[in-house]
Amino acid sequence: MIHNVALNCIKRILQKKIFFRIKEKKFAHDIEVVLLAKKLNNEIIELPIKWVHKNDSKINLIKDSINMFFALIKIKKNLVDNR
């Protein structure tokens, strides 16, 4: 299972270029932000984080994996359609 954790540190100018274009409203929105930033030729850097696991997570492995899969398809389609 891939754990996706995003910390979005985005300049205000870039926010204005990206956030109005976001179509995904659920938990895949951070992926869409990164892909839109890359599409607009912005530099993306990775920063280390300290992950703390919580046993009482509300993530459902099956349901949320399926939802993420379809969200990624939708994001990809939106990026291709909006060239």
PDB file of N, CA and C in Angstrom:
ATOM      1  N   MET A   1       0.839  -1.179   0.000  1.00  0.00           N
ATOM      2  CA  MET A   1       0.000   0.000   0.000  1.00  0.00           C
ATOM      3  C   MET A   1       0.884   1.243   0.000  1.00  0.00           C
ATOM      4  N   ILE A   2       0.532   2.181  -0.817  1.00  0.00           N
ATOM      5  CA  ILE A   2       1.292   3.424  -0.902  1.00  0.00           C
ATOM      6  C   ILE A   2       0.649   4.447   0.022  1.00  0.00           C
ATOM      7  N   HIS A   3       1.458   5.045   0.869  1.00  0.00           N
ATOM      8  CA  HIS A   3       0.964   6.099   1.762  1.00  0.00           C
ATOM      9  C   HIS A   3       1.266   7.436   1.115  1.00  0.00           C
ATOM     10  N   ASN A   4       0.239   8.230   0.940  1.00  0.00           N
ATOM     11  CA  ASN A   4       0.415   9.536   0.316  1.00  0.00           C
ATOM     12  C   ASN A   4       0.234  10.613   1.371  1.00  0.00           C
ATOM     13  N   VAL A   5       1.293  11.348   1.622  1.00  0.00           N
ATOM     14  CA  VAL A   5       1.244  12.451   2.567  1.00  0.00           C
ATOM     15  C   VAL A   5       1.790  13.667   1.845  1.00  0.00           C
ATOM     16  N   ALA A   6       1.036  14.734   1.867  1.00  0.00           N
ATOM     17  CA  ALA A   6       1.478  15.927   1.151  1.00  0.00           C
ATOM     18  C   ALA A   6       1.454  17.131   2.073  1.00  0.00           C
ATOM     19  N   LEU A   7       2.474  17.917   1.941  1.00  0.00           N
ATOM     20  CA  LEU A   7       2.527  19.201   2.611  1.00  0.00           C
ATOM     21  C   LEU A   7       2.681  20.223   1.495  1.00  0.00           C
ATOM     22  N   ASN A   8       1.653  21.021   1.305  1.00  0.00           N
ATOM     23  CA  ASN A   8       1.657  21.962   0.195  1.00  0.00           C
ATOM     24  C   ASN A   8       2.099  23.342   0.669  1.00  0.00           C
ATOM     25  N   CYS A   9       3.274  23.724   0.272  1.00  0.00           N
ATOM     26  CA  CYS A   9       3.793  25.059   0.548  1.00  0.00           C
ATOM     27  C   CYS A   9       3.832  25.777  -0.796  1.00  0.00           C
ATOM     28  N   ILE A  10       2.832  26.584  -1.041  1.00  0.00           N
ATOM     29  CA  ILE A  10       2.678  27.174  -2.363  1.00  0.00           C
ATOM     30  C   ILE A  10       2.592  28.685  -2.246  1.00  0.00           C
ATOM     31  N   LYS A  11       3.345  29.367  -3.096  1.00  0.00           N
ATOM     32  CA  LYS A  11       3.292  30.825  -3.118  1.00  0.00           C
ATOM     33  C   LYS A  11       1.911  31.300  -3.533  1.00  0.00           C
ATOM     34  N   ARG A  12       1.528  32.456  -3.040  1.00  0.00           N
ATOM     35  CA  ARG A  12       0.196  33.010  -3.307  1.00  0.00           C
ATOM     36  C   ARG A  12      -0.074  33.148  -4.811  1.00  0.00           C
ATOM     37  N   ILE A  13       0.904  33.557  -5.588  1.00  0.00           N
ATOM     38  CA  ILE A  13       0.723  33.710  -7.035  1.00  0.00           C
ATOM     39  C   ILE A  13       0.391  32.362  -7.664  1.00  0.00           C
ATOM     40  N   LEU A  14       1.100  31.323  -7.254  1.00  0.00           N
ATOM     41  CA  LEU A  14       0.861  29.989  -7.781  1.00  0.00           C
ATOM     42  C   LEU A  14      -0.508  29.477  -7.342  1.00  0.00           C
ATOM     43  N   GLN A  15      -0.912  29.809  -6.126  1.00  0.00           N
ATOM     44  CA  GLN A  15      -2.241  29.401  -5.652  1.00  0.00           C
ATOM     45  C   GLN A  15      -3.321  29.916  -6.589  1.00  0.00           C
ATOM     46  N   LYS A  16      -3.190  31.154  -7.020  1.00  0.00           N
ATOM     47  CA  LYS A  16      -4.190  31.752  -7.903  1.00  0.00           C
ATOM     48  C   LYS A  16      -4.229  31.053  -9.255  1.00  0.00           C
ATOM     49  N   LYS A  17      -3.109  30.517  -9.699  1.00  0.00           N
ATOM     50  CA  LYS A  17      -3.054  29.821 -10.981  1.00  0.00           C
ATOM     51  C   LYS A  17      -3.583  28.391 -10.895  1.00  0.00           C
ATOM     52  N   ILE A  18      -3.518  27.798  -9.722  1.00  0.00           N
ATOM     53  CA  ILE A  18      -3.824  26.375  -9.589  1.00  0.00           C
ATOM     54  C   ILE A  18      -5.181  26.090  -8.959  1.00  0.00           C
ATOM     55  N   PHE A  19      -5.488  26.702  -7.840  1.00  0.00           N
ATOM     56  CA  PHE A  19      -6.618  26.243  -7.038  1.00  0.00           C
ATOM     57  C   PHE A  19      -7.976  26.401  -7.711  1.00  0.00           C
ATOM     58  N   PHE A  20      -8.132  27.350  -8.594  1.00  0.00           N
ATOM     59  CA  PHE A  20      -9.416  27.460  -9.279  1.00  0.00           C
ATOM     60  C   PHE A  20      -9.590  26.364 -10.331  1.00  0.00           C
ATOM     61  N   ARG A  21      -8.515  25.674 -10.693  1.00  0.00           N
ATOM     62  CA  ARG A  21      -8.568  24.603 -11.699  1.00  0.00           C
ATOM     63  C   ARG A  21      -8.847  23.225 -11.104  1.00  0.00           C
ATOM     64  N   ILE A  22      -8.755  23.108  -9.789  1.00  0.00           N
ATOM     65  CA  ILE A  22      -8.909  21.804  -9.141  1.00  0.00           C
ATOM     66  C   ILE A  22     -10.340  21.305  -9.271  1.00  0.00           C
ATOM     67  N   LYS A  23     -10.474  20.077  -9.736  1.00  0.00           N
ATOM     68  CA  LYS A  23     -11.783  19.443  -9.884  1.00  0.00           C
ATOM     69  C   LYS A  23     -12.046  18.432  -8.766  1.00  0.00           C
ATOM     70  N   GLU A  24     -10.973  17.813  -8.269  1.00  0.00           N
ATOM     71  CA  GLU A  24     -11.095  16.788  -7.229  1.00  0.00           C
ATOM     72  C   GLU A  24     -11.333  17.458  -5.874  1.00  0.00           C
ATOM     73  N   LYS A  25     -12.412  17.097  -5.223  1.00  0.00           N
ATOM     74  CA  LYS A  25     -12.793  17.731  -3.959  1.00  0.00           C
ATOM     75  C   LYS A  25     -12.567  16.835  -2.750  1.00  0.00           C
ATOM     76  N   LYS A  26     -12.130  15.604  -2.967  1.00  0.00           N
ATOM     77  CA  LYS A  26     -11.949  14.681  -1.846  1.00  0.00           C
ATOM     78  C   LYS A  26     -10.467  14.509  -1.549  1.00  0.00           C
ATOM     79  N   PHE A  27     -10.043  13.332  -1.127  1.00  0.00           N
ATOM     80  CA  PHE A  27      -8.690  13.164  -0.623  1.00  0.00           C
ATOM     81  C   PHE A  27      -7.608  13.087  -1.684  1.00  0.00           C
ATOM     82  N   ALA A  28      -7.912  13.137  -2.960  1.00  0.00           N
ATOM     83  CA  ALA A  28      -6.892  13.109  -4.011  1.00  0.00           C
ATOM     84  C   ALA A  28      -6.546  14.515  -4.503  1.00  0.00           C
ATOM     85  N   HIS A  29      -7.080  15.543  -3.866  1.00  0.00           N
ATOM     86  CA  HIS A  29      -6.838  16.906  -4.339  1.00  0.00           C
ATOM     87  C   HIS A  29      -5.363  17.299  -4.275  1.00  0.00           C
ATOM     88  N   ASP A  30      -4.620  16.775  -3.308  1.00  0.00           N
ATOM     89  CA  ASP A  30      -3.203  17.110  -3.208  1.00  0.00           C
ATOM     90  C   ASP A  30      -2.414  16.592  -4.404  1.00  0.00           C
ATOM     91  N   ILE A  31      -2.800  15.449  -4.924  1.00  0.00           N
ATOM     92  CA  ILE A  31      -2.145  14.912  -6.117  1.00  0.00           C
ATOM     93  C   ILE A  31      -2.433  15.815  -7.310  1.00  0.00           C
ATOM     94  N   GLU A  32      -3.672  16.275  -7.408  1.00  0.00           N
ATOM     95  CA  GLU A  32      -4.031  17.163  -8.509  1.00  0.00           C
ATOM     96  C   GLU A  32      -3.267  18.479  -8.423  1.00  0.00           C
ATOM     97  N   VAL A  33      -3.071  19.001  -7.215  1.00  0.00           N
ATOM     98  CA  VAL A  33      -2.305  20.239  -7.038  1.00  0.00           C
ATOM     99  C   VAL A  33      -0.882  20.063  -7.559  1.00  0.00           C
ATOM    100  N   VAL A  34      -0.244  18.956  -7.198  1.00  0.00           N
ATOM    101  CA  VAL A  34       1.128  18.699  -7.641  1.00  0.00           C
ATOM    102  C   VAL A  34       1.186  18.552  -9.162  1.00  0.00           C
ATOM    103  N   LEU A  35       0.253  17.810  -9.742  1.00  0.00           N
ATOM    104  CA  LEU A  35       0.253  17.610 -11.194  1.00  0.00           C
ATOM    105  C   LEU A  35      -0.010  18.918 -11.949  1.00  0.00           C
ATOM    106  N   LEU A  36      -0.914  19.746 -11.429  1.00  0.00           N
ATOM    107  CA  LEU A  36      -1.163  21.045 -12.062  1.00  0.00           C
ATOM    108  C   LEU A  36       0.063  21.945 -11.961  1.00  0.00           C
ATOM    109  N   ALA A  37       0.727  21.930 -10.812  1.00  0.00           N
ATOM    110  CA  ALA A  37       1.938  22.735 -10.648  1.00  0.00           C
ATOM    111  C   ALA A  37       3.017  22.297 -11.630  1.00  0.00           C
ATOM    112  N   LYS A  38       3.178  20.985 -11.781  1.00  0.00           N
ATOM    113  CA  LYS A  38       4.152  20.474 -12.758  1.00  0.00           C
ATOM    114  C   LYS A  38       3.767  20.871 -14.173  1.00  0.00           C
ATOM    115  N   LYS A  39       2.473  20.779 -14.485  1.00  0.00           N
ATOM    116  CA  LYS A  39       1.997  21.131 -15.823  1.00  0.00           C
ATOM    117  C   LYS A  39       2.293  22.599 -16.145  1.00  0.00           C
ATOM    118  N   LEU A  40       2.264  23.448 -15.117  1.00  0.00           N
ATOM    119  CA  LEU A  40       2.553  24.869 -15.293  1.00  0.00           C
ATOM    120  C   LEU A  40       4.045  25.172 -15.132  1.00  0.00           C
ATOM    121  N   ASN A  41       4.869  24.114 -15.212  1.00  0.00           N
ATOM    122  CA  ASN A  41       6.340  24.227 -15.170  1.00  0.00           C
ATOM    123  C   ASN A  41       6.872  24.825 -13.879  1.00  0.00           C
ATOM    124  N   ASN A  42       6.266  24.448 -12.762  1.00  0.00           N
ATOM    125  CA  ASN A  42       6.766  24.878 -11.463  1.00  0.00           C
ATOM    126  C   ASN A  42       7.627  23.783 -10.862  1.00  0.00           C
ATOM    127  N   GLU A  43       8.616  24.194 -10.106  1.00  0.00           N
ATOM    128  CA  GLU A  43       9.500  23.233  -9.466  1.00  0.00           C
ATOM    129  C   GLU A  43       8.788  22.601  -8.272  1.00  0.00           C
ATOM    130  N   ILE A  44       8.883  21.299  -8.183  1.00  0.00           N
ATOM    131  CA  ILE A  44       8.322  20.545  -7.066  1.00  0.00           C
ATOM    132  C   ILE A  44       9.489  19.947  -6.295  1.00  0.00           C
ATOM    133  N   ILE A  45       9.531  20.205  -5.004  1.00  0.00           N
ATOM    134  CA  ILE A  45      10.582  19.611  -4.187  1.00  0.00           C
ATOM    135  C   ILE A  45       9.943  18.720  -3.128  1.00  0.00           C
ATOM    136  N   GLU A  46      10.661  17.690  -2.756  1.00  0.00           N
ATOM    137  CA  GLU A  46      10.194  16.786  -1.710  1.00  0.00           C
ATOM    138  C   GLU A  46      10.940  17.098  -0.425  1.00  0.00           C
ATOM    139  N   LEU A  47      10.193  17.151   0.648  1.00  0.00           N
ATOM    140  CA  LEU A  47      10.770  17.403   1.959  1.00  0.00           C
ATOM    141  C   LEU A  47      10.477  16.208   2.860  1.00  0.00           C
ATOM    142  N   PRO A  48      11.433  15.845   3.706  1.00  0.00           N
ATOM    143  CA  PRO A  48      11.177  14.722   4.614  1.00  0.00           C
ATOM    144  C   PRO A  48      10.153  15.121   5.680  1.00  0.00           C
ATOM    145  N   ILE A  49       9.366  14.149   6.099  1.00  0.00           N
ATOM    146  CA  ILE A  49       8.412  14.364   7.181  1.00  0.00           C
ATOM    147  C   ILE A  49       8.561  13.240   8.195  1.00  0.00           C
ATOM    148  N   LYS A  50       8.047  13.462   9.373  1.00  0.00           N
ATOM    149  CA  LYS A  50       8.009  12.400  10.371  1.00  0.00           C
ATOM    150  C   LYS A  50       6.586  11.857  10.388  1.00  0.00           C
ATOM    151  N   TRP A  51       6.439  10.581  10.032  1.00  0.00           N
ATOM    152  CA  TRP A  51       5.129   9.941   9.956  1.00  0.00           C
ATOM    153  C   TRP A  51       4.804   9.322  11.310  1.00  0.00           C
ATOM    154  N   VAL A  52       3.617   9.608  11.805  1.00  0.00           N
ATOM    155  CA  VAL A  52       3.143   9.000  13.044  1.00  0.00           C
ATOM    156  C   VAL A  52       1.884   8.216  12.712  1.00  0.00           C
ATOM    157  N   HIS A  53       1.953   6.904  12.865  1.00  0.00           N
ATOM    158  CA  HIS A  53       0.816   6.042  12.537  1.00  0.00           C
ATOM    159  C   HIS A  53      -0.195   6.052  13.680  1.00  0.00           C
ATOM    160  N   LYS A  54      -1.474   6.102  13.323  1.00  0.00           N
ATOM    161  CA  LYS A  54      -2.544   6.024  14.316  1.00  0.00           C
ATOM    162  C   LYS A  54      -3.373   4.774  14.027  1.00  0.00           C
ATOM    163  N   ASN A  55      -3.554   3.950  15.012  1.00  0.00           N
ATOM    164  CA  ASN A  55      -4.304   2.703  14.829  1.00  0.00           C
ATOM    165  C   ASN A  55      -5.791   2.928  14.625  1.00  0.00           C
ATOM    166  N   ASP A  56      -6.318   4.060  15.031  1.00  0.00           N
ATOM    167  CA  ASP A  56      -7.753   4.314  14.899  1.00  0.00           C
ATOM    168  C   ASP A  56      -8.097   5.069  13.611  1.00  0.00           C
ATOM    169  N   SER A  57      -7.314   4.853  12.567  1.00  0.00           N
ATOM    170  CA  SER A  57      -7.545   5.509  11.283  1.00  0.00           C
ATOM    171  C   SER A  57      -8.915   5.138  10.727  1.00  0.00           C
ATOM    172  N   LYS A  58      -9.532   6.069  10.031  1.00  0.00           N
ATOM    173  CA  LYS A  58     -10.835   5.823   9.428  1.00  0.00           C
ATOM    174  C   LYS A  58     -10.708   5.428   7.954  1.00  0.00           C
ATOM    175  N   ILE A  59      -9.498   5.152   7.503  1.00  0.00           N
ATOM    176  CA  ILE A  59      -9.257   4.736   6.134  1.00  0.00           C
ATOM    177  C   ILE A  59      -9.732   3.296   5.953  1.00  0.00           C
ATOM    178  N   ASN A  60     -10.492   3.073   4.904  1.00  0.00           N
ATOM    179  CA  ASN A  60     -10.939   1.736   4.539  1.00  0.00           C
ATOM    180  C   ASN A  60     -10.101   1.311   3.340  1.00  0.00           C
ATOM    181  N   LEU A  61      -9.267   0.311   3.524  1.00  0.00           N
ATOM    182  CA  LEU A  61      -8.299  -0.096   2.501  1.00  0.00           C
ATOM    183  C   LEU A  61      -8.960  -0.379   1.154  1.00  0.00           C
ATOM    184  N   ILE A  62     -10.046  -1.120   1.130  1.00  0.00           N
ATOM    185  CA  ILE A  62     -10.694  -1.485  -0.129  1.00  0.00           C
ATOM    186  C   ILE A  62     -11.414  -0.288  -0.738  1.00  0.00           C
ATOM    187  N   LYS A  63     -12.341   0.273   0.006  1.00  0.00           N
ATOM    188  CA  LYS A  63     -13.165   1.376  -0.503  1.00  0.00           C
ATOM    189  C   LYS A  63     -12.315   2.587  -0.903  1.00  0.00           C
ATOM    190  N   ASP A  64     -11.387   2.987  -0.056  1.00  0.00           N
ATOM    191  CA  ASP A  64     -10.581   4.171  -0.346  1.00  0.00           C
ATOM    192  C   ASP A  64      -9.590   3.942  -1.481  1.00  0.00           C
ATOM    193  N   SER A  65      -9.102   2.717  -1.628  1.00  0.00           N
ATOM    194  CA  SER A  65      -8.213   2.405  -2.757  1.00  0.00           C
ATOM    195  C   SER A  65      -8.976   2.507  -4.079  1.00  0.00           C
ATOM    196  N   ILE A  66     -10.199   2.006  -4.095  1.00  0.00           N
ATOM    197  CA  ILE A  66     -11.036   2.109  -5.297  1.00  0.00           C
ATOM    198  C   ILE A  66     -11.352   3.564  -5.610  1.00  0.00           C
ATOM    199  N   ASN A  67     -11.717   4.324  -4.571  1.00  0.00           N
ATOM    200  CA  ASN A  67     -12.006   5.755  -4.761  1.00  0.00           C
ATOM    201  C   ASN A  67     -10.783   6.508  -5.282  1.00  0.00           C
ATOM    202  N   MET A  68      -9.600   6.182  -4.761  1.00  0.00           N
ATOM    203  CA  MET A  68      -8.376   6.840  -5.211  1.00  0.00           C
ATOM    204  C   MET A  68      -8.101   6.488  -6.671  1.00  0.00           C
ATOM    205  N   PHE A  69      -8.297   5.245  -7.046  1.00  0.00           N
ATOM    206  CA  PHE A  69      -8.088   4.813  -8.423  1.00  0.00           C
ATOM    207  C   PHE A  69      -8.950   5.640  -9.386  1.00  0.00           C
ATOM    208  N   PHE A  70     -10.240   5.756  -9.086  1.00  0.00           N
ATOM    209  CA  PHE A  70     -11.129   6.507  -9.969  1.00  0.00           C
ATOM    210  C   PHE A  70     -10.845   8.007  -9.923  1.00  0.00           C
ATOM    211  N   ALA A  71     -10.418   8.505  -8.776  1.00  0.00           N
ATOM    212  CA  ALA A  71     -10.043   9.919  -8.679  1.00  0.00           C
ATOM    213  C   ALA A  71      -8.833  10.206  -9.561  1.00  0.00           C
ATOM    214  N   LEU A  72      -7.861   9.295  -9.581  1.00  0.00           N
ATOM    215  CA  LEU A  72      -6.672   9.481 -10.420  1.00  0.00           C
ATOM    216  C   LEU A  72      -7.025   9.450 -11.903  1.00  0.00           C
ATOM    217  N   ILE A  73      -7.948   8.587 -12.278  1.00  0.00           N
ATOM    218  CA  ILE A  73      -8.403   8.555 -13.678  1.00  0.00           C
ATOM    219  C   ILE A  73      -9.062   9.887 -14.031  1.00  0.00           C
ATOM    220  N   LYS A  74      -9.908  10.386 -13.137  1.00  0.00           N
ATOM    221  CA  LYS A  74     -10.596  11.655 -13.375  1.00  0.00           C
ATOM    222  C   LYS A  74      -9.599  12.817 -13.470  1.00  0.00           C
ATOM    223  N   ILE A  75      -8.603  12.822 -12.593  1.00  0.00           N
ATOM    224  CA  ILE A  75      -7.585  13.880 -12.626  1.00  0.00           C
ATOM    225  C   ILE A  75      -6.817  13.823 -13.942  1.00  0.00           C
ATOM    226  N   LYS A  76      -6.405  12.636 -14.350  1.00  0.00           N
ATOM    227  CA  LYS A  76      -5.670  12.474 -15.610  1.00  0.00           C
ATOM    228  C   LYS A  76      -6.504  12.951 -16.795  1.00  0.00           C
ATOM    229  N   LYS A  77      -7.778  12.582 -16.821  1.00  0.00           N
ATOM    230  CA  LYS A  77      -8.666  13.007 -17.903  1.00  0.00           C
ATOM    231  C   LYS A  77      -8.796  14.529 -17.926  1.00  0.00           C
ATOM    232  N   ASN A  78      -8.941  15.145 -16.762  1.00  0.00           N
ATOM    233  CA  ASN A  78      -9.056  16.604 -16.692  1.00  0.00           C
ATOM    234  C   ASN A  78      -7.782  17.288 -17.177  1.00  0.00           C
ATOM    235  N   LEU A  79      -6.623  16.717 -16.828  1.00  0.00           N
ATOM    236  CA  LEU A  79      -5.356  17.313 -17.269  1.00  0.00           C
ATOM    237  C   LEU A  79      -5.196  17.206 -18.788  1.00  0.00           C
ATOM    238  N   VAL A  80      -5.592  16.075 -19.355  1.00  0.00           N
ATOM    239  CA  VAL A  80      -5.483  15.881 -20.809  1.00  0.00           C
ATOM    240  C   VAL A  80      -6.479  16.775 -21.533  1.00  0.00           C
ATOM    241  N   ASP A  81      -7.706  16.862 -21.039  1.00  0.00           N
ATOM    242  CA  ASP A  81      -8.740  17.669 -21.682  1.00  0.00           C
ATOM    243  C   ASP A  81      -8.452  19.172 -21.624  1.00  0.00           C
ATOM    244  N   ASN A  82      -7.719  19.599 -20.614  1.00  0.00           N
ATOM    245  CA  ASN A  82      -7.456  21.039 -20.419  1.00  0.00           C
ATOM    246  C   ASN A  82      -6.087  21.479 -20.873  1.00  0.00           C
ATOM    247  N   ARG A  83      -5.583  20.863 -21.900  1.00  0.00           N
ATOM    248  CA  ARG A  83      -4.233  21.237 -22.397  1.00  0.00           C
ATOM    249  C   ARG A  83      -4.213  22.613 -22.903  1.00  0.00           C
TER     250      ARG A  83
END
